[in-house]
PDB file of N, CA and C in Angstrom:
ATOM      1  N   ALA A   1       0.788 -27.252 -11.230  1.00  0.00           N
ATOM      2  CA  ALA A   1       1.825 -26.239 -11.189  1.00  0.00           C
ATOM      3  C   ALA A   1       1.297 -24.884 -11.650  1.00  0.00           C
ATOM      4  N   GLY A   2       0.051 -24.821 -12.139  1.00  0.00           N
ATOM      5  CA  GLY A   2      -0.527 -23.555 -12.576  1.00  0.00           C
ATOM      6  C   GLY A   2      -1.431 -22.968 -11.514  1.00  0.00           C
ATOM      7  N   GLU A   3      -1.581 -21.659 -11.549  1.00  0.00           N
ATOM      8  CA  GLU A   3      -2.418 -20.976 -10.567  1.00  0.00           C
ATOM      9  C   GLU A   3      -3.315 -19.980 -11.294  1.00  0.00           C
ATOM     10  N   LEU A   4      -4.597 -20.020 -11.002  1.00  0.00           N
ATOM     11  CA  LEU A   4      -5.580 -19.108 -11.580  1.00  0.00           C
ATOM     12  C   LEU A   4      -6.090 -18.205 -10.460  1.00  0.00           C
ATOM     13  N   LYS A   5      -6.024 -16.879 -10.676  1.00  0.00           N
ATOM     14  CA  LYS A   5      -6.401 -15.934  -9.626  1.00  0.00           C
ATOM     15  C   LYS A   5      -7.334 -14.875 -10.206  1.00  0.00           C
ATOM     16  N   ILE A   6      -8.417 -14.580  -9.497  1.00  0.00           N
ATOM     17  CA  ILE A   6      -9.344 -13.513  -9.869  1.00  0.00           C
ATOM     18  C   ILE A   6      -9.214 -12.409  -8.826  1.00  0.00           C
ATOM     19  N   THR A   7      -8.992 -11.170  -9.286  1.00  0.00           N
ATOM     20  CA  THR A   7      -8.836 -10.031  -8.400  1.00  0.00           C
ATOM     21  C   THR A   7      -9.880  -8.984  -8.754  1.00  0.00           C
ATOM     22  N   ALA A   8     -10.541  -8.427  -7.752  1.00  0.00           N
ATOM     23  CA  ALA A   8     -11.545  -7.368  -7.957  1.00  0.00           C
ATOM     24  C   ALA A   8     -11.018  -6.069  -7.371  1.00  0.00           C
ATOM     25  N   PHE A   9     -11.197  -4.977  -8.111  1.00  0.00           N
ATOM     26  CA  PHE A   9     -10.754  -3.660  -7.674  1.00  0.00           C
ATOM     27  C   PHE A   9     -11.953  -2.734  -7.543  1.00  0.00           C
ATOM     28  N   ASP A  10     -11.936  -1.888  -6.541  1.00  0.00           N
ATOM     29  CA  ASP A  10     -12.984  -0.899  -6.250  1.00  0.00           C
ATOM     30  C   ASP A  10     -14.357  -1.560  -6.127  1.00  0.00           C
ATOM     31  N   VAL A  11     -14.426  -2.603  -5.355  1.00  0.00           N
ATOM     32  CA  VAL A  11     -15.673  -3.351  -5.171  1.00  0.00           C
ATOM     33  C   VAL A  11     -16.742  -2.486  -4.517  1.00  0.00           C
ATOM     34  N   LEU A  12     -16.354  -1.619  -3.616  1.00  0.00           N
ATOM     35  CA  LEU A  12     -17.315  -0.764  -2.914  1.00  0.00           C
ATOM     36  C   LEU A  12     -17.568   0.564  -3.632  1.00  0.00           C
ATOM     37  N   GLN A  13     -17.011   0.728  -4.805  1.00  0.00           N
ATOM     38  CA  GLN A  13     -17.128   1.948  -5.611  1.00  0.00           C
ATOM     39  C   GLN A  13     -16.780   3.194  -4.792  1.00  0.00           C
ATOM     40  N   ALA A  14     -15.697   3.114  -4.049  1.00  0.00           N
ATOM     41  CA  ALA A  14     -15.247   4.227  -3.215  1.00  0.00           C
ATOM     42  C   ALA A  14     -14.092   4.987  -3.851  1.00  0.00           C
ATOM     43  N   ASN A  15     -13.672   4.610  -5.035  1.00  0.00           N
ATOM     44  CA  ASN A  15     -12.535   5.230  -5.697  1.00  0.00           C
ATOM     45  C   ASN A  15     -12.979   6.526  -6.378  1.00  0.00           C
ATOM     46  N   GLU A  16     -12.806   7.630  -5.687  1.00  0.00           N
ATOM     47  CA  GLU A  16     -13.185   8.938  -6.216  1.00  0.00           C
ATOM     48  C   GLU A  16     -11.995   9.872  -6.098  1.00  0.00           C
ATOM     49  N   SER A  17     -11.894  10.773  -7.035  1.00  0.00           N
ATOM     50  CA  SER A  17     -10.811  11.741  -7.007  1.00  0.00           C
ATOM     51  C   SER A  17     -11.410  13.145  -6.972  1.00  0.00           C
ATOM     52  N   VAL A  18     -11.597  13.654  -5.774  1.00  0.00           N
ATOM     53  CA  VAL A  18     -12.153  14.992  -5.569  1.00  0.00           C
ATOM     54  C   VAL A  18     -11.176  15.758  -4.691  1.00  0.00           C
ATOM     55  N   SER A  19     -10.839  16.971  -5.097  1.00  0.00           N
ATOM     56  CA  SER A  19      -9.944  17.776  -4.274  1.00  0.00           C
ATOM     57  C   SER A  19     -10.399  19.237  -4.295  1.00  0.00           C
ATOM     58  N   ARG A  20      -9.997  19.965  -3.284  1.00  0.00           N
ATOM     59  CA  ARG A  20     -10.350  21.386  -3.189  1.00  0.00           C
ATOM     60  C   ARG A  20      -9.092  22.176  -2.852  1.00  0.00           C
ATOM     61  N   SER A  21      -8.864  23.229  -3.613  1.00  0.00           N
ATOM     62  CA  SER A  21      -7.758  24.152  -3.349  1.00  0.00           C
ATOM     63  C   SER A  21      -8.348  25.493  -2.921  1.00  0.00           C
ATOM     64  N   VAL A  22      -7.852  26.014  -1.829  1.00  0.00           N
ATOM     65  CA  VAL A  22      -8.363  27.283  -1.313  1.00  0.00           C
ATOM     66  C   VAL A  22      -7.194  28.254  -1.189  1.00  0.00           C
ATOM     67  N   THR A  23      -7.335  29.407  -1.818  1.00  0.00           N
ATOM     68  CA  THR A  23      -6.354  30.485  -1.683  1.00  0.00           C
ATOM     69  C   THR A  23      -7.100  31.739  -1.241  1.00  0.00           C
ATOM     70  N   GLN A  24      -6.371  32.835  -1.126  1.00  0.00           N
ATOM     71  CA  GLN A  24      -7.015  34.089  -0.716  1.00  0.00           C
ATOM     72  C   GLN A  24      -7.955  34.615  -1.794  1.00  0.00           C
ATOM     73  N   SER A  25      -7.675  34.311  -3.044  1.00  0.00           N
ATOM     74  CA  SER A  25      -8.470  34.898  -4.125  1.00  0.00           C
ATOM     75  C   SER A  25      -9.531  33.968  -4.721  1.00  0.00           C
ATOM     76  N   TYR A  26      -9.415  32.653  -4.524  1.00  0.00           N
ATOM     77  CA  TYR A  26     -10.419  31.762  -5.122  1.00  0.00           C
ATOM     78  C   TYR A  26     -10.475  30.414  -4.409  1.00  0.00           C
ATOM     79  N   ILE A  27     -11.524  29.659  -4.708  1.00  0.00           N
ATOM     80  CA  ILE A  27     -11.698  28.272  -4.250  1.00  0.00           C
ATOM     81  C   ILE A  27     -11.888  27.429  -5.500  1.00  0.00           C
ATOM     82  N   GLU A  28     -11.095  26.381  -5.598  1.00  0.00           N
ATOM     83  CA  GLU A  28     -11.173  25.514  -6.784  1.00  0.00           C
ATOM     84  C   GLU A  28     -11.518  24.093  -6.358  1.00  0.00           C
ATOM     85  N   ASP A  29     -12.613  23.560  -6.898  1.00  0.00           N
ATOM     86  CA  ASP A  29     -12.973  22.156  -6.706  1.00  0.00           C
ATOM     87  C   ASP A  29     -12.599  21.398  -7.963  1.00  0.00           C
ATOM     88  N   SER A  30     -11.933  20.281  -7.798  1.00  0.00           N
ATOM     89  CA  SER A  30     -11.475  19.497  -8.937  1.00  0.00           C
ATOM     90  C   SER A  30     -11.995  18.064  -8.809  1.00  0.00           C
ATOM     91  N   ILE A  31     -12.658  17.591  -9.863  1.00  0.00           N
ATOM     92  CA  ILE A  31     -13.148  16.205  -9.906  1.00  0.00           C
ATOM     93  C   ILE A  31     -12.516  15.540 -11.128  1.00  0.00           C
ATOM     94  N   ASN A  32     -11.805  14.455 -10.897  1.00  0.00           N
ATOM     95  CA  ASN A  32     -11.108  13.750 -11.980  1.00  0.00           C
ATOM     96  C   ASN A  32     -11.717  12.375 -12.206  1.00  0.00           C
ATOM     97  N   SER A  33     -11.630  11.923 -13.432  1.00  0.00           N
ATOM     98  CA  SER A  33     -12.096  10.572 -13.757  1.00  0.00           C
ATOM     99  C   SER A  33     -11.098   9.550 -13.227  1.00  0.00           C
ATOM    100  N   VAL A  34     -11.604   8.486 -12.656  1.00  0.00           N
ATOM    101  CA  VAL A  34     -10.770   7.406 -12.145  1.00  0.00           C
ATOM    102  C   VAL A  34     -11.333   6.084 -12.652  1.00  0.00           C
ATOM    103  N   LEU A  35     -10.538   5.041 -12.527  1.00  0.00           N
ATOM    104  CA  LEU A  35     -11.011   3.721 -12.925  1.00  0.00           C
ATOM    105  C   LEU A  35     -12.157   3.289 -12.022  1.00  0.00           C
ATOM    106  N   GLN A  36     -13.176   2.763 -12.610  1.00  0.00           N
ATOM    107  CA  GLN A  36     -14.307   2.245 -11.854  1.00  0.00           C
ATOM    108  C   GLN A  36     -14.022   0.787 -11.482  1.00  0.00           C
ATOM    109  N   ARG A  37     -15.017   0.092 -11.033  1.00  0.00           N
ATOM    110  CA  ARG A  37     -14.869  -1.300 -10.652  1.00  0.00           C
ATOM    111  C   ARG A  37     -14.410  -2.123 -11.865  1.00  0.00           C
ATOM    112  N   TYR A  38     -13.396  -2.962 -11.645  1.00  0.00           N
ATOM    113  CA  TYR A  38     -12.968  -3.881 -12.694  1.00  0.00           C
ATOM    114  C   TYR A  38     -12.402  -5.146 -12.067  1.00  0.00           C
ATOM    115  N   TYR A  39     -12.342  -6.186 -12.863  1.00  0.00           N
ATOM    116  CA  TYR A  39     -11.869  -7.496 -12.418  1.00  0.00           C
ATOM    117  C   TYR A  39     -10.692  -7.905 -13.287  1.00  0.00           C
ATOM    118  N   MET A  40      -9.781  -8.653 -12.686  1.00  0.00           N
ATOM    119  CA  MET A  40      -8.614  -9.116 -13.428  1.00  0.00           C
ATOM    120  C   MET A  40      -8.448 -10.618 -13.194  1.00  0.00           C
ATOM    121  N   LEU A  41      -8.267 -11.348 -14.271  1.00  0.00           N
ATOM    122  CA  LEU A  41      -8.024 -12.784 -14.223  1.00  0.00           C
ATOM    123  C   LEU A  41      -6.560 -13.017 -14.557  1.00  0.00           C
ATOM    124  N   THR A  42      -5.833 -13.689 -13.676  1.00  0.00           N
ATOM    125  CA  THR A  42      -4.404 -13.918 -13.849  1.00  0.00           C
ATOM    126  C   THR A  42      -4.121 -15.416 -13.833  1.00  0.00           C
ATOM    127  N   PHE A  43      -3.337 -15.880 -14.805  1.00  0.00           N
ATOM    128  CA  PHE A  43      -2.884 -17.270 -14.826  1.00  0.00           C
ATOM    129  C   PHE A  43      -1.369 -17.272 -14.691  1.00  0.00           C
ATOM    130  N   THR A  44      -0.855 -18.018 -13.720  1.00  0.00           N
ATOM    131  CA  THR A  44       0.584 -18.109 -13.486  1.00  0.00           C
ATOM    132  C   THR A  44       1.000 -19.569 -13.562  1.00  0.00           C
ATOM    133  N   TYR A  45       2.075 -19.834 -14.304  1.00  0.00           N
ATOM    134  CA  TYR A  45       2.614 -21.184 -14.415  1.00  0.00           C
ATOM    135  C   TYR A  45       4.061 -21.154 -13.964  1.00  0.00           C
ATOM    136  N   ASN A  46       4.438 -22.038 -13.075  1.00  0.00           N
ATOM    137  CA  ASN A  46       5.786 -22.086 -12.533  1.00  0.00           C
ATOM    138  C   ASN A  46       6.683 -22.906 -13.462  1.00  0.00           C
ATOM    139  N   LEU A  47       7.646 -22.233 -14.114  1.00  0.00           N
ATOM    140  CA  LEU A  47       8.545 -22.925 -15.038  1.00  0.00           C
ATOM    141  C   LEU A  47       9.621 -23.741 -14.327  1.00  0.00           C
ATOM    142  N   ARG A  48       9.861 -23.499 -13.060  1.00  0.00           N
ATOM    143  CA  ARG A  48      10.879 -24.265 -12.336  1.00  0.00           C
ATOM    144  C   ARG A  48      10.534 -25.751 -12.323  1.00  0.00           C
ATOM    145  N   THR A  49       9.284 -26.079 -12.196  1.00  0.00           N
ATOM    146  CA  THR A  49       8.863 -27.473 -12.217  1.00  0.00           C
ATOM    147  C   THR A  49       9.220 -28.104 -13.558  1.00  0.00           C
ATOM    148  N   PHE A  50       8.989 -27.365 -14.627  1.00  0.00           N
ATOM    149  CA  PHE A  50       9.307 -27.843 -15.967  1.00  0.00           C
ATOM    150  C   PHE A  50      10.807 -28.071 -16.111  1.00  0.00           C
ATOM    151  N   GLN A  51      11.632 -27.149 -15.618  1.00  0.00           N
ATOM    152  CA  GLN A  51      13.082 -27.280 -15.725  1.00  0.00           C
ATOM    153  C   GLN A  51      13.585 -28.461 -14.901  1.00  0.00           C
ATOM    154  N   GLN A  52      13.035 -28.704 -13.728  1.00  0.00           N
ATOM    155  CA  GLN A  52      13.456 -29.842 -12.923  1.00  0.00           C
ATOM    156  C   GLN A  52      13.169 -31.139 -13.654  1.00  0.00           C
ATOM    157  N   GLY A  53      12.045 -31.202 -14.325  1.00  0.00           N
ATOM    158  CA  GLY A  53      11.713 -32.390 -15.103  1.00  0.00           C
ATOM    159  C   GLY A  53      12.715 -32.619 -16.220  1.00  0.00           C
ATOM    160  N   ASN A  54      13.144 -31.573 -16.898  1.00  0.00           N
ATOM    161  CA  ASN A  54      14.136 -31.691 -17.958  1.00  0.00           C
ATOM    162  C   ASN A  54      15.470 -32.152 -17.404  1.00  0.00           C
ATOM    163  N   ARG A  55      15.867 -31.644 -16.232  1.00  0.00           N
ATOM    164  CA  ARG A  55      17.129 -32.072 -15.627  1.00  0.00           C
ATOM    165  C   ARG A  55      17.098 -33.560 -15.321  1.00  0.00           C
ATOM    166  N   MET A  56      15.969 -34.030 -14.815  1.00  0.00           N
ATOM    167  CA  MET A  56      15.860 -35.452 -14.488  1.00  0.00           C
ATOM    168  C   MET A  56      15.974 -36.295 -15.749  1.00  0.00           C
ATOM    169  N   GLU A  57      15.344 -35.856 -16.838  1.00  0.00           N
ATOM    170  CA  GLU A  57      15.436 -36.592 -18.103  1.00  0.00           C
ATOM    171  C   GLU A  57      16.872 -36.603 -18.610  1.00  0.00           C
ATOM    172  N   MET A  58      17.587 -35.474 -18.491  1.00  0.00           N
ATOM    173  CA  MET A  58      18.978 -35.409 -18.944  1.00  0.00           C
ATOM    174  C   MET A  58      19.859 -36.345 -18.113  1.00  0.00           C
ATOM    175  N   GLU A  59      19.635 -36.378 -16.780  1.00  0.00           N
ATOM    176  CA  GLU A  59      20.400 -37.269 -15.904  1.00  0.00           C
ATOM    177  C   GLU A  59      20.170 -38.726 -16.293  1.00  0.00           C
ATOM    178  N   ARG A  60      18.919 -39.083 -16.558  1.00  0.00           N
ATOM    179  CA  ARG A  60      18.623 -40.462 -16.966  1.00  0.00           C
ATOM    180  C   ARG A  60      19.360 -40.815 -18.253  1.00  0.00           C
ATOM    181  N   GLY A  61      19.380 -39.850 -19.196  1.00  0.00           N
ATOM    182  CA  GLY A  61      20.082 -40.084 -20.460  1.00  0.00           C
ATOM    183  C   GLY A  61      21.572 -40.279 -20.245  1.00  0.00           C
ATOM    184  N   ARG A  62      22.182 -39.479 -19.374  1.00  0.00           N
ATOM    185  CA  ARG A  62      23.614 -39.617 -19.087  1.00  0.00           C
ATOM    186  C   ARG A  62      23.908 -40.959 -18.425  1.00  0.00           C
ATOM    187  N   ASN A  63      23.071 -41.332 -17.452  1.00  0.00           N
ATOM    188  CA  ASN A  63      23.273 -42.613 -16.779  1.00  0.00           C
ATOM    189  C   ASN A  63      23.131 -43.762 -17.767  1.00  0.00           C
ATOM    190  N   PHE A  64      22.178 -43.681 -18.686  1.00  0.00           N
ATOM    191  CA  PHE A  64      21.975 -44.713 -19.701  1.00  0.00           C
ATOM    192  C   PHE A  64      23.216 -44.824 -20.588  1.00  0.00           C
ATOM    193  N   GLU A  65      23.763 -43.664 -20.999  1.00  0.00           N
ATOM    194  CA  GLU A  65      24.958 -43.676 -21.857  1.00  0.00           C
ATOM    195  C   GLU A  65      26.151 -44.266 -21.120  1.00  0.00           C
ATOM    196  N   ARG A  66      26.322 -43.949 -19.843  1.00  0.00           N
ATOM    197  CA  ARG A  66      27.434 -44.481 -19.057  1.00  0.00           C
ATOM    198  C   ARG A  66      27.349 -46.001 -18.938  1.00  0.00           C
ATOM    199  N   MET A  67      26.123 -46.504 -18.743  1.00  0.00           N
ATOM    200  CA  MET A  67      25.940 -47.935 -18.584  1.00  0.00           C
ATOM    201  C   MET A  67      26.278 -48.662 -19.893  1.00  0.00           C
ATOM    202  N   HIS A  68      26.004 -48.060 -21.025  1.00  0.00           N
ATOM    203  CA  HIS A  68      26.205 -48.730 -22.291  1.00  0.00           C
ATOM    204  C   HIS A  68      27.556 -48.431 -22.934  1.00  0.00           C
ATOM    205  N   ASP A  69      28.367 -47.550 -22.346  1.00  0.00           N
ATOM    206  CA  ASP A  69      29.705 -47.251 -22.877  1.00  0.00           C
ATOM    207  C   ASP A  69      30.694 -48.340 -22.502  1.00  0.00           C
ATOM    208  N   HIS A  70      30.446 -49.109 -21.479  1.00  0.00           N
ATOM    209  CA  HIS A  70      31.409 -50.114 -21.004  1.00  0.00           C
ATOM    210  C   HIS A  70      31.405 -51.334 -21.826  1.00  0.00           C
TER     211      HIS A  70
END
């Protein structure tokens, strides 16, 4: 019921932030820092499976009590 996922960002190192503004009076080149290559590890667990198991246990308990109440 668990899922492990590895994600890679900017693998080709193409993430650059360069821009140019041109007006009548000046030209401005702007270079900004951006995130470089990084990896992310994600673990996901589905709680619905856990809840269904609890419901089944509760149903069994109710059925057991009904059988022994008579």
